[in-house]
Every structure is written in structure tokens, then in C-alpha cells.
Amino acid sequence: MGGARVAQGYALGAGLEYEINRYVSMQAAVDRISQVGMEEEVAAGVNLTRNVAAIRLHMKAW
């Protein structure tokens, strides 16, 4: 299945939002991107696995 240069993987994401009041809210997000099922000779020394986290503060003018 696929050519010799195909990598397989998965991605997961989760998020949370907390509303402090009607003008201010905070968001947190986490993403996981992982590479699996890779053949040794195809991508030797290359790893695409990443963990990404973010925190955001949202403010509304009105």
C-alpha cells in the first residue's frame, strides 16, 4: 500500500476554554503528531513526531 516514500502516522488534539467573564476568556490546546510504520531505508534519521501546546488569552472590546 503506497509507494516507497510514504510515511504513516496519526494526529491527536485536545482543547479547553475557560470564560473568566463575558469579555475575557482563556484557551489551552495540545496537539500530538506522530509518525509510525516507517521503513528503515525510506527515512533514515528523519522523525516527524511533534508535541505542540498553546495558551491563548481572548479579550473582547464589547
PDB file of N, CA and C in Angstrom:
ATOM      1  N   MET A   1       0.839  -1.171   0.000  1.00  0.00           N
ATOM      2  CA  MET A   1       0.000   0.000   0.000  1.00  0.00           C
ATOM      3  C   MET A   1       0.890   1.241   0.000  1.00  0.00           C
ATOM      4  N   GLY A   2       0.808   2.084  -0.979  1.00  0.00           N
ATOM      5  CA  GLY A   2       1.612   3.290  -1.056  1.00  0.00           C
ATOM      6  C   GLY A   2       2.965   3.029  -1.692  1.00  0.00           C
ATOM      7  N   GLY A   3       3.634   4.089  -2.033  1.00  0.00           N
ATOM      8  CA  GLY A   3       4.943   3.975  -2.641  1.00  0.00           C
ATOM      9  C   GLY A   3       6.037   3.835  -1.603  1.00  0.00           C
ATOM     10  N   ALA A   4       7.272   3.832  -2.077  1.00  0.00           N
ATOM     11  CA  ALA A   4       8.422   3.642  -1.194  1.00  0.00           C
ATOM     12  C   ALA A   4       8.687   4.856  -0.304  1.00  0.00           C
ATOM     13  N   ARG A   5       8.094   6.007  -0.612  1.00  0.00           N
ATOM     14  CA  ARG A   5       8.356   7.225   0.159  1.00  0.00           C
ATOM     15  C   ARG A   5       7.158   7.649   1.014  1.00  0.00           C
ATOM     16  N   VAL A   6       6.319   6.710   1.391  1.00  0.00           N
ATOM     17  CA  VAL A   6       5.126   7.020   2.181  1.00  0.00           C
ATOM     18  C   VAL A   6       5.392   6.773   3.657  1.00  0.00           C
ATOM     19  N   ALA A   7       5.083   7.760   4.484  1.00  0.00           N
ATOM     20  CA  ALA A   7       5.155   7.612   5.933  1.00  0.00           C
ATOM     21  C   ALA A   7       3.724   7.602   6.474  1.00  0.00           C
ATOM     22  N   GLN A   8       3.498   6.847   7.503  1.00  0.00           N
ATOM     23  CA  GLN A   8       2.177   6.766   8.112  1.00  0.00           C
ATOM     24  C   GLN A   8       2.251   7.357   9.506  1.00  0.00           C
ATOM     25  N   GLY A   9       1.123   7.845   9.989  1.00  0.00           N
ATOM     26  CA  GLY A   9       1.126   8.408  11.324  1.00  0.00           C
ATOM     27  C   GLY A   9      -0.275   8.755  11.787  1.00  0.00           C
ATOM     28  N   TYR A  10      -0.336   9.487  12.875  1.00  0.00           N
ATOM     29  CA  TYR A  10      -1.620   9.911  13.422  1.00  0.00           C
ATOM     30  C   TYR A  10      -1.468  11.287  14.056  1.00  0.00           C
ATOM     31  N   ALA A  11      -2.594  11.932  14.269  1.00  0.00           N
ATOM     32  CA  ALA A  11      -2.610  13.230  14.951  1.00  0.00           C
ATOM     33  C   ALA A  11      -3.756  13.235  15.955  1.00  0.00           C
ATOM     34  N   LEU A  12      -3.476  13.751  17.135  1.00  0.00           N
ATOM     35  CA  LEU A  12      -4.475  13.895  18.188  1.00  0.00           C
ATOM     36  C   LEU A  12      -4.478  15.340  18.657  1.00  0.00           C
ATOM     37  N   GLY A  13      -5.641  15.830  19.041  1.00  0.00           N
ATOM     38  CA  GLY A  13      -5.723  17.191  19.545  1.00  0.00           C
ATOM     39  C   GLY A  13      -6.753  17.291  20.654  1.00  0.00           C
ATOM     40  N   ALA A  14      -6.503  18.171  21.589  1.00  0.00           N
ATOM     41  CA  ALA A  14      -7.436  18.416  22.684  1.00  0.00           C
ATOM     42  C   ALA A  14      -7.385  19.896  23.033  1.00  0.00           C
ATOM     43  N   GLY A  15      -8.513  20.417  23.493  1.00  0.00           N
ATOM     44  CA  GLY A  15      -8.549  21.823  23.846  1.00  0.00           C
ATOM     45  C   GLY A  15      -9.493  22.080  25.005  1.00  0.00           C
ATOM     46  N   LEU A  16      -9.292  23.220  25.628  1.00  0.00           N
ATOM     47  CA  LEU A  16     -10.100  23.617  26.778  1.00  0.00           C
ATOM     48  C   LEU A  16     -10.275  25.126  26.719  1.00  0.00           C
ATOM     49  N   GLU A  17     -11.471  25.592  27.011  1.00  0.00           N
ATOM     50  CA  GLU A  17     -11.718  27.031  27.065  1.00  0.00           C
ATOM     51  C   GLU A  17     -12.383  27.370  28.389  1.00  0.00           C
ATOM     52  N   TYR A  18     -11.887  28.421  29.032  1.00  0.00           N
ATOM     53  CA  TYR A  18     -12.434  28.877  30.307  1.00  0.00           C
ATOM     54  C   TYR A  18     -12.812  30.344  30.154  1.00  0.00           C
ATOM     55  N   GLU A  19     -14.080  30.652  30.381  1.00  0.00           N
ATOM     56  CA  GLU A  19     -14.556  32.021  30.259  1.00  0.00           C
ATOM     57  C   GLU A  19     -14.503  32.694  31.627  1.00  0.00           C
ATOM     58  N   ILE A  20     -13.627  33.678  31.769  1.00  0.00           N
ATOM     59  CA  ILE A  20     -13.453  34.390  33.030  1.00  0.00           C
ATOM     60  C   ILE A  20     -14.641  35.319  33.265  1.00  0.00           C
ATOM     61  N   ASN A  21     -14.976  36.121  32.275  1.00  0.00           N
ATOM     62  CA  ASN A  21     -16.200  36.914  32.257  1.00  0.00           C
ATOM     63  C   ASN A  21     -16.609  37.078  30.803  1.00  0.00           C
ATOM     64  N   ARG A  22     -17.590  37.919  30.514  1.00  0.00           N
ATOM     65  CA  ARG A  22     -18.066  37.993  29.128  1.00  0.00           C
ATOM     66  C   ARG A  22     -17.073  38.672  28.193  1.00  0.00           C
ATOM     67  N   TYR A  23     -16.042  39.308  28.726  1.00  0.00           N
ATOM     68  CA  TYR A  23     -15.044  39.999  27.915  1.00  0.00           C
ATOM     69  C   TYR A  23     -13.711  39.250  27.788  1.00  0.00           C
ATOM     70  N   VAL A  24     -13.426  38.374  28.710  1.00  0.00           N
ATOM     71  CA  VAL A  24     -12.115  37.714  28.743  1.00  0.00           C
ATOM     72  C   VAL A  24     -12.297  36.197  28.851  1.00  0.00           C
ATOM     73  N   SER A  25     -11.577  35.465  28.004  1.00  0.00           N
ATOM     74  CA  SER A  25     -11.565  34.001  28.087  1.00  0.00           C
ATOM     75  C   SER A  25     -10.158  33.500  27.803  1.00  0.00           C
ATOM     76  N   MET A  26      -9.865  32.313  28.289  1.00  0.00           N
ATOM     77  CA  MET A  26      -8.563  31.677  28.073  1.00  0.00           C
ATOM     78  C   MET A  26      -8.781  30.346  27.357  1.00  0.00           C
ATOM     79  N   GLN A  27      -7.870  30.003  26.472  1.00  0.00           N
ATOM     80  CA  GLN A  27      -7.911  28.733  25.764  1.00  0.00           C
ATOM     81  C   GLN A  27      -6.579  28.027  25.912  1.00  0.00           C
ATOM     82  N   ALA A  28      -6.644  26.722  26.047  1.00  0.00           N
ATOM     83  CA  ALA A  28      -5.442  25.887  26.056  1.00  0.00           C
ATOM     84  C   ALA A  28      -5.647  24.768  25.037  1.00  0.00           C
ATOM     85  N   ALA A  29      -4.624  24.466  24.272  1.00  0.00           N
ATOM     86  CA  ALA A  29      -4.713  23.413  23.258  1.00  0.00           C
ATOM     87  C   ALA A  29      -3.423  22.598  23.242  1.00  0.00           C
ATOM     88  N   VAL A  30      -3.567  21.304  23.016  1.00  0.00           N
ATOM     89  CA  VAL A  30      -2.436  20.387  22.916  1.00  0.00           C
ATOM     90  C   VAL A  30      -2.643  19.523  21.678  1.00  0.00           C
ATOM     91  N   ASP A  31      -1.625  19.401  20.863  1.00  0.00           N
ATOM     92  CA  ASP A  31      -1.661  18.557  19.675  1.00  0.00           C
ATOM     93  C   ASP A  31      -0.489  17.588  19.697  1.00  0.00           C
ATOM     94  N   ARG A  32      -0.733  16.374  19.264  1.00  0.00           N
ATOM     95  CA  ARG A  32       0.308  15.342  19.159  1.00  0.00           C
ATOM     96  C   ARG A  32       0.274  14.815  17.731  1.00  0.00           C
ATOM     97  N   ILE A  33       1.391  14.928  17.037  1.00  0.00           N
ATOM     98  CA  ILE A  33       1.537  14.396  15.688  1.00  0.00           C
ATOM     99  C   ILE A  33       2.644  13.355  15.768  1.00  0.00           C
ATOM    100  N   SER A  34       2.350  12.130  15.354  1.00  0.00           N
ATOM    101  CA  SER A  34       3.332  11.062  15.481  1.00  0.00           C
ATOM    102  C   SER A  34       3.462  10.286  14.179  1.00  0.00           C
ATOM    103  N   GLN A  35       4.645   9.846  13.933  1.00  0.00           N
ATOM    104  CA  GLN A  35       4.954   9.067  12.742  1.00  0.00           C
ATOM    105  C   GLN A  35       5.150   7.610  13.149  1.00  0.00           C
ATOM    106  N   VAL A  36       4.446   6.703  12.481  1.00  0.00           N
ATOM    107  CA  VAL A  36       4.553   5.270  12.761  1.00  0.00           C
ATOM    108  C   VAL A  36       4.661   4.506  11.445  1.00  0.00           C
ATOM    109  N   GLY A  37       5.053   3.269  11.514  1.00  0.00           N
ATOM    110  CA  GLY A  37       5.072   2.400  10.342  1.00  0.00           C
ATOM    111  C   GLY A  37       6.053   2.820   9.270  1.00  0.00           C
ATOM    112  N   MET A  38       7.162   3.387   9.660  1.00  0.00           N
ATOM    113  CA  MET A  38       8.149   3.891   8.718  1.00  0.00           C
ATOM    114  C   MET A  38       9.199   2.817   8.454  1.00  0.00           C
ATOM    115  N   GLU A  39       9.560   2.669   7.195  1.00  0.00           N
ATOM    116  CA  GLU A  39      10.602   1.693   6.857  1.00  0.00           C
ATOM    117  C   GLU A  39      11.974   2.313   7.079  1.00  0.00           C
ATOM    118  N   GLU A  40      12.897   1.517   7.504  1.00  0.00           N
ATOM    119  CA  GLU A  40      14.248   1.957   7.875  1.00  0.00           C
ATOM    120  C   GLU A  40      14.960   2.677   6.729  1.00  0.00           C
ATOM    121  N   GLU A  41      14.940   2.125   5.522  1.00  0.00           N
ATOM    122  CA  GLU A  41      15.704   2.715   4.429  1.00  0.00           C
ATOM    123  C   GLU A  41      15.012   3.918   3.794  1.00  0.00           C
ATOM    124  N   VAL A  42      13.724   4.102   4.050  1.00  0.00           N
ATOM    125  CA  VAL A  42      12.986   5.196   3.412  1.00  0.00           C
ATOM    126  C   VAL A  42      13.335   6.541   4.029  1.00  0.00           C
ATOM    127  N   ALA A  43      13.308   6.619   5.349  1.00  0.00           N
ATOM    128  CA  ALA A  43      13.508   7.912   6.014  1.00  0.00           C
ATOM    129  C   ALA A  43      14.471   7.753   7.188  1.00  0.00           C
ATOM    130  N   ALA A  44      15.625   7.255   6.929  1.00  0.00           N
ATOM    131  CA  ALA A  44      16.617   7.060   7.987  1.00  0.00           C
ATOM    132  C   ALA A  44      17.004   8.405   8.593  1.00  0.00           C
ATOM    133  N   GLY A  45      16.890   8.505   9.901  1.00  0.00           N
ATOM    134  CA  GLY A  45      17.267   9.725  10.606  1.00  0.00           C
ATOM    135  C   GLY A  45      16.233  10.836  10.588  1.00  0.00           C
ATOM    136  N   VAL A  46      15.064  10.602   9.990  1.00  0.00           N
ATOM    137  CA  VAL A  46      14.020  11.626   9.933  1.00  0.00           C
ATOM    138  C   VAL A  46      12.890  11.221  10.864  1.00  0.00           C
ATOM    139  N   ASN A  47      12.519  12.122  11.763  1.00  0.00           N
ATOM    140  CA  ASN A  47      11.422  11.850  12.685  1.00  0.00           C
ATOM    141  C   ASN A  47      10.478  13.043  12.655  1.00  0.00           C
ATOM    142  N   LEU A  48       9.228  12.812  12.283  1.00  0.00           N
ATOM    143  CA  LEU A  48       8.250  13.885  12.151  1.00  0.00           C
ATOM    144  C   LEU A  48       7.369  14.042  13.388  1.00  0.00           C
ATOM    145  N   THR A  49       7.664  13.349  14.467  1.00  0.00           N
ATOM    146  CA  THR A  49       6.854  13.406  15.681  1.00  0.00           C
ATOM    147  C   THR A  49       6.974  14.781  16.329  1.00  0.00           C
ATOM    148  N   ARG A  50       5.812  15.358  16.699  1.00  0.00           N
ATOM    149  CA  ARG A  50       5.791  16.681  17.319  1.00  0.00           C
ATOM    150  C   ARG A  50       4.734  16.727  18.420  1.00  0.00           C
ATOM    151  N   ASN A  51       5.034  17.470  19.483  1.00  0.00           N
ATOM    152  CA  ASN A  51       4.073  17.822  20.524  1.00  0.00           C
ATOM    153  C   ASN A  51       3.970  19.344  20.499  1.00  0.00           C
ATOM    154  N   VAL A  52       2.755  19.852  20.381  1.00  0.00           N
ATOM    155  CA  VAL A  52       2.537  21.293  20.296  1.00  0.00           C
ATOM    156  C   VAL A  52       1.541  21.695  21.375  1.00  0.00           C
ATOM    157  N   ALA A  53       1.888  22.707  22.178  1.00  0.00           N
ATOM    158  CA  ALA A  53       0.987  23.222  23.212  1.00  0.00           C
ATOM    159  C   ALA A  53       0.831  24.726  23.009  1.00  0.00           C
ATOM    160  N   ALA A  54      -0.373  25.231  23.268  1.00  0.00           N
ATOM    161  CA  ALA A  54      -0.636  26.661  23.111  1.00  0.00           C
ATOM    162  C   ALA A  54      -1.596  27.128  24.195  1.00  0.00           C
ATOM    163  N   ILE A  55      -1.357  28.352  24.673  1.00  0.00           N
ATOM    164  CA  ILE A  55      -2.263  29.009  25.609  1.00  0.00           C
ATOM    165  C   ILE A  55      -2.600  30.367  25.009  1.00  0.00           C
ATOM    166  N   ARG A  56      -3.899  30.673  24.942  1.00  0.00           N
ATOM    167  CA  ARG A  56      -4.337  31.931  24.336  1.00  0.00           C
ATOM    168  C   ARG A  56      -5.231  32.694  25.307  1.00  0.00           C
ATOM    169  N   LEU A  57      -5.113  33.996  25.288  1.00  0.00           N
ATOM    170  CA  LEU A  57      -5.970  34.877  26.059  1.00  0.00           C
ATOM    171  C   LEU A  57      -6.781  35.694  25.063  1.00  0.00           C
ATOM    172  N   HIS A  58      -8.110  35.602  25.137  1.00  0.00           N
ATOM    173  CA  HIS A  58      -9.000  36.336  24.240  1.00  0.00           C
ATOM    174  C   HIS A  58      -9.668  37.462  25.005  1.00  0.00           C
ATOM    175  N   MET A  59      -9.615  38.663  24.439  1.00  0.00           N
ATOM    176  CA  MET A  59     -10.282  39.805  25.062  1.00  0.00           C
ATOM    177  C   MET A  59     -11.199  40.450  24.025  1.00  0.00           C
ATOM    178  N   LYS A  60     -12.422  40.755  24.426  1.00  0.00           N
ATOM    179  CA  LYS A  60     -13.405  41.384  23.547  1.00  0.00           C
ATOM    180  C   LYS A  60     -13.568  42.840  23.962  1.00  0.00           C
ATOM    181  N   ALA A  61     -13.713  43.719  22.979  1.00  0.00           N
ATOM    182  CA  ALA A  61     -13.894  45.150  23.271  1.00  0.00           C
ATOM    183  C   ALA A  61     -15.323  45.442  23.732  1.00  0.00           C
ATOM    184  N   TRP A  62     -16.294  44.724  23.217  1.00  0.00           N
ATOM    185  CA  TRP A  62     -17.689  44.916  23.621  1.00  0.00           C
ATOM    186  C   TRP A  62     -18.462  43.653  23.550  1.00  0.00           C
TER     187      TRP A  62
END
